[in-house]
Amino acid sequence: MARYLGEVHNRVCGTVWQLHPDAASFPPYTVRPFVTIPWERKAEYADAEGVEDDARPLYGPVNGICRLFTWGPDRRLRDDMKRYEPPA
Protein backbone atom coordinates (compact mmCIF):
# COMPACT_ATOMS: atom_id res chain seq x y z
CA MET A 1 0.00 0.00 0.00
CA ALA A 2 2.86 2.41 0.75
CA ARG A 3 4.34 1.84 -2.70
CA TYR A 4 0.95 2.64 -4.27
CA LEU A 5 0.61 5.82 -2.18
CA GLY A 6 4.11 6.95 -3.22
CA GLU A 7 3.28 6.32 -6.88
CA VAL A 8 0.11 8.41 -6.53
CA HIS A 9 2.27 11.28 -5.25
CA ASN A 10 4.69 10.75 -8.13
CA ARG A 11 2.03 10.82 -10.82
CA VAL A 12 -0.17 13.57 -9.40
CA CYS A 13 2.47 15.88 -7.91
CA GLY A 14 5.56 15.14 -10.00
CA THR A 15 7.63 13.70 -7.16
CA VAL A 16 10.29 11.00 -7.47
CA TRP A 17 11.41 8.15 -5.20
CA GLN A 18 14.60 8.65 -3.20
CA LEU A 19 16.54 6.91 -0.48
CA HIS A 20 18.69 8.76 2.05
CA PRO A 21 22.33 8.82 0.84
CA ASP A 22 23.57 7.51 4.20
CA ALA A 23 21.03 4.67 4.26
CA ALA A 24 23.78 2.04 4.42
CA SER A 25 24.81 3.29 7.88
CA PHE A 26 21.27 3.02 9.35
CA PRO A 27 19.76 -0.16 10.76
CA PRO A 28 17.65 -1.90 8.09
CA TYR A 29 14.34 -1.30 9.85
CA THR A 30 14.77 2.50 9.77
CA VAL A 31 15.63 2.78 6.08
CA ARG A 32 12.53 3.65 4.12
CA PRO A 33 12.28 5.20 0.68
CA PHE A 34 10.50 8.53 0.41
CA VAL A 35 9.22 10.78 -2.34
CA THR A 36 10.30 14.35 -2.98
CA ILE A 37 10.38 17.00 -5.67
CA PRO A 38 13.05 16.31 -8.34
CA TRP A 39 16.38 18.07 -7.87
CA GLU A 40 15.81 20.08 -11.06
CA ARG A 41 12.88 21.87 -9.37
CA LYS A 42 14.77 22.68 -6.16
CA ALA A 43 14.69 26.44 -6.87
CA GLU A 44 10.88 26.45 -6.57
CA TYR A 45 11.21 25.49 -2.89
CA ALA A 46 13.66 28.03 -1.51
CA ASP A 47 13.84 28.27 2.27
CA ALA A 48 12.24 31.58 3.27
CA GLU A 49 14.68 31.95 6.18
CA GLY A 50 17.72 31.03 4.10
CA VAL A 51 18.81 28.31 6.52
CA GLU A 52 18.35 25.18 4.42
CA ASP A 53 20.09 24.72 1.09
CA ASP A 54 17.54 22.10 0.07
CA ALA A 55 14.01 22.95 1.26
CA ARG A 56 12.16 20.47 -0.96
CA PRO A 57 9.34 18.70 0.90
CA LEU A 58 9.83 15.03 1.73
CA TYR A 59 7.06 12.49 2.20
CA GLY A 60 7.35 8.99 3.59
CA PRO A 61 4.34 6.94 2.42
CA VAL A 62 4.83 4.36 5.19
CA ASN A 63 4.69 7.11 7.81
CA GLY A 64 1.65 8.65 6.12
CA ILE A 65 -0.24 5.37 6.35
CA CYS A 66 0.76 4.89 10.00
CA ARG A 67 -0.45 8.40 10.88
CA LEU A 68 -3.93 7.53 9.61
CA PHE A 69 -4.55 5.82 12.94
CA THR A 70 -3.69 8.91 14.99
CA TRP A 71 -5.38 11.60 12.87
CA GLY A 72 -8.87 12.80 13.57
CA PRO A 73 -11.77 12.19 11.18
CA ASP A 74 -11.15 15.52 9.40
CA ARG A 75 -7.76 14.45 8.03
CA ARG A 76 -7.26 12.54 4.75
CA LEU A 77 -4.20 11.14 2.96
CA ARG A 78 -4.81 13.56 0.10
CA ASP A 79 -4.16 16.45 2.53
CA ASP A 80 -0.47 15.48 2.43
CA MET A 81 -0.26 16.50 -1.22
CA LYS A 82 -0.59 20.17 -0.22
CA ARG A 83 3.05 20.08 0.91
CA TYR A 84 4.21 20.17 -2.71
CA GLU A 85 2.74 23.60 -3.40
CA PRO A 86 5.73 25.95 -3.82
CA PRO A 87 5.88 28.68 -1.17
CA ALA A 88 4.66 32.08 -2.34
C-alpha atoms as a PDB file:
ATOM      1  CA  MET A   1       0.000   0.000   0.000  1.00  0.00           C
ATOM      2  CA  ALA A   2       2.860   2.409   0.751  1.00  0.00           C
ATOM      3  CA  ARG A   3       4.336   1.839  -2.699  1.00  0.00           C
ATOM      4  CA  TYR A   4       0.952   2.636  -4.266  1.00  0.00           C
ATOM      5  CA  LEU A   5       0.612   5.824  -2.183  1.00  0.00           C
ATOM      6  CA  GLY A   6       4.109   6.946  -3.222  1.00  0.00           C
ATOM      7  CA  GLU A   7       3.279   6.316  -6.878  1.00  0.00           C
ATOM      8  CA  VAL A   8       0.113   8.413  -6.534  1.00  0.00           C
ATOM      9  CA  HIS A   9       2.270  11.277  -5.254  1.00  0.00           C
ATOM     10  CA  ASN A  10       4.692  10.748  -8.134  1.00  0.00           C
ATOM     11  CA  ARG A  11       2.029  10.819 -10.822  1.00  0.00           C
ATOM     12  CA  VAL A  12      -0.171  13.570  -9.404  1.00  0.00           C
ATOM     13  CA  CYS A  13       2.466  15.885  -7.908  1.00  0.00           C
ATOM     14  CA  GLY A  14       5.557  15.145 -10.000  1.00  0.00           C
ATOM     15  CA  THR A  15       7.633  13.702  -7.157  1.00  0.00           C
ATOM     16  CA  VAL A  16      10.291  11.000  -7.474  1.00  0.00           C
ATOM     17  CA  TRP A  17      11.414   8.154  -5.204  1.00  0.00           C
ATOM     18  CA  GLN A  18      14.604   8.654  -3.199  1.00  0.00           C
ATOM     19  CA  LEU A  19      16.544   6.910  -0.477  1.00  0.00           C
ATOM     20  CA  HIS A  20      18.694   8.759   2.046  1.00  0.00           C
ATOM     21  CA  PRO A  21      22.330   8.821   0.838  1.00  0.00           C
ATOM     22  CA  ASP A  22      23.572   7.512   4.202  1.00  0.00           C
ATOM     23  CA  ALA A  23      21.029   4.673   4.261  1.00  0.00           C
ATOM     24  CA  ALA A  24      23.782   2.042   4.417  1.00  0.00           C
ATOM     25  CA  SER A  25      24.811   3.289   7.878  1.00  0.00           C
ATOM     26  CA  PHE A  26      21.272   3.024   9.350  1.00  0.00           C
ATOM     27  CA  PRO A  27      19.759  -0.164  10.764  1.00  0.00           C
ATOM     28  CA  PRO A  28      17.649  -1.896   8.086  1.00  0.00           C
ATOM     29  CA  TYR A  29      14.335  -1.297   9.852  1.00  0.00           C
ATOM     30  CA  THR A  30      14.774   2.505   9.769  1.00  0.00           C
ATOM     31  CA  VAL A  31      15.626   2.780   6.084  1.00  0.00           C
ATOM     32  CA  ARG A  32      12.530   3.650   4.117  1.00  0.00           C
ATOM     33  CA  PRO A  33      12.278   5.198   0.679  1.00  0.00           C
ATOM     34  CA  PHE A  34      10.497   8.525   0.414  1.00  0.00           C
ATOM     35  CA  VAL A  35       9.220  10.777  -2.340  1.00  0.00           C
ATOM     36  CA  THR A  36      10.298  14.354  -2.978  1.00  0.00           C
ATOM     37  CA  ILE A  37      10.384  16.996  -5.672  1.00  0.00           C
ATOM     38  CA  PRO A  38      13.052  16.313  -8.342  1.00  0.00           C
ATOM     39  CA  TRP A  39      16.385  18.071  -7.874  1.00  0.00           C
ATOM     40  CA  GLU A  40      15.813  20.084 -11.055  1.00  0.00           C
ATOM     41  CA  ARG A  41      12.875  21.870  -9.366  1.00  0.00           C
ATOM     42  CA  LYS A  42      14.772  22.679  -6.156  1.00  0.00           C
ATOM     43  CA  ALA A  43      14.685  26.439  -6.866  1.00  0.00           C
ATOM     44  CA  GLU A  44      10.879  26.454  -6.568  1.00  0.00           C
ATOM     45  CA  TYR A  45      11.210  25.493  -2.891  1.00  0.00           C
ATOM     46  CA  ALA A  46      13.655  28.030  -1.507  1.00  0.00           C
ATOM     47  CA  ASP A  47      13.837  28.265   2.271  1.00  0.00           C
ATOM     48  CA  ALA A  48      12.240  31.582   3.273  1.00  0.00           C
ATOM     49  CA  GLU A  49      14.684  31.950   6.179  1.00  0.00           C
ATOM     50  CA  GLY A  50      17.721  31.034   4.100  1.00  0.00           C
ATOM     51  CA  VAL A  51      18.815  28.308   6.518  1.00  0.00           C
ATOM     52  CA  GLU A  52      18.351  25.184   4.417  1.00  0.00           C
ATOM     53  CA  ASP A  53      20.091  24.720   1.093  1.00  0.00           C
ATOM     54  CA  ASP A  54      17.536  22.102   0.069  1.00  0.00           C
ATOM     55  CA  ALA A  55      14.014  22.945   1.261  1.00  0.00           C
ATOM     56  CA  ARG A  56      12.160  20.474  -0.956  1.00  0.00           C
ATOM     57  CA  PRO A  57       9.341  18.698   0.905  1.00  0.00           C
ATOM     58  CA  LEU A  58       9.829  15.027   1.733  1.00  0.00           C
ATOM     59  CA  TYR A  59       7.064  12.493   2.198  1.00  0.00           C
ATOM     60  CA  GLY A  60       7.354   8.989   3.594  1.00  0.00           C
ATOM     61  CA  PRO A  61       4.344   6.944   2.423  1.00  0.00           C
ATOM     62  CA  VAL A  62       4.831   4.358   5.186  1.00  0.00           C
ATOM     63  CA  ASN A  63       4.689   7.114   7.813  1.00  0.00           C
ATOM     64  CA  GLY A  64       1.647   8.645   6.124  1.00  0.00           C
ATOM     65  CA  ILE A  65      -0.238   5.375   6.354  1.00  0.00           C
ATOM     66  CA  CYS A  66       0.761   4.888  10.002  1.00  0.00           C
ATOM     67  CA  ARG A  67      -0.449   8.401  10.876  1.00  0.00           C
ATOM     68  CA  LEU A  68      -3.929   7.525   9.613  1.00  0.00           C
ATOM     69  CA  PHE A  69      -4.554   5.823  12.944  1.00  0.00           C
ATOM     70  CA  THR A  70      -3.694   8.913  14.987  1.00  0.00           C
ATOM     71  CA  TRP A  71      -5.383  11.595  12.869  1.00  0.00           C
ATOM     72  CA  GLY A  72      -8.875  12.801  13.570  1.00  0.00           C
ATOM     73  CA  PRO A  73     -11.765  12.195  11.179  1.00  0.00           C
ATOM     74  CA  ASP A  74     -11.152  15.521   9.400  1.00  0.00           C
ATOM     75  CA  ARG A  75      -7.758  14.445   8.028  1.00  0.00           C
ATOM     76  CA  ARG A  76      -7.263  12.538   4.752  1.00  0.00           C
ATOM     77  CA  LEU A  77      -4.202  11.142   2.963  1.00  0.00           C
ATOM     78  CA  ARG A  78      -4.812  13.561   0.102  1.00  0.00           C
ATOM     79  CA  ASP A  79      -4.160  16.449   2.529  1.00  0.00           C
ATOM     80  CA  ASP A  80      -0.472  15.479   2.432  1.00  0.00           C
ATOM     81  CA  MET A  81      -0.262  16.502  -1.217  1.00  0.00           C
ATOM     82  CA  LYS A  82      -0.586  20.169  -0.222  1.00  0.00           C
ATOM     83  CA  ARG A  83       3.047  20.078   0.913  1.00  0.00           C
ATOM     84  CA  TYR A  84       4.205  20.174  -2.715  1.00  0.00           C
ATOM     85  CA  GLU A  85       2.740  23.605  -3.400  1.00  0.00           C
ATOM     86  CA  PRO A  86       5.727  25.947  -3.816  1.00  0.00           C
ATOM     87  CA  PRO A  87       5.881  28.677  -1.172  1.00  0.00           C
ATOM     88  CA  ALA A  88       4.660  32.082  -2.337  1.00  0.00           C
END
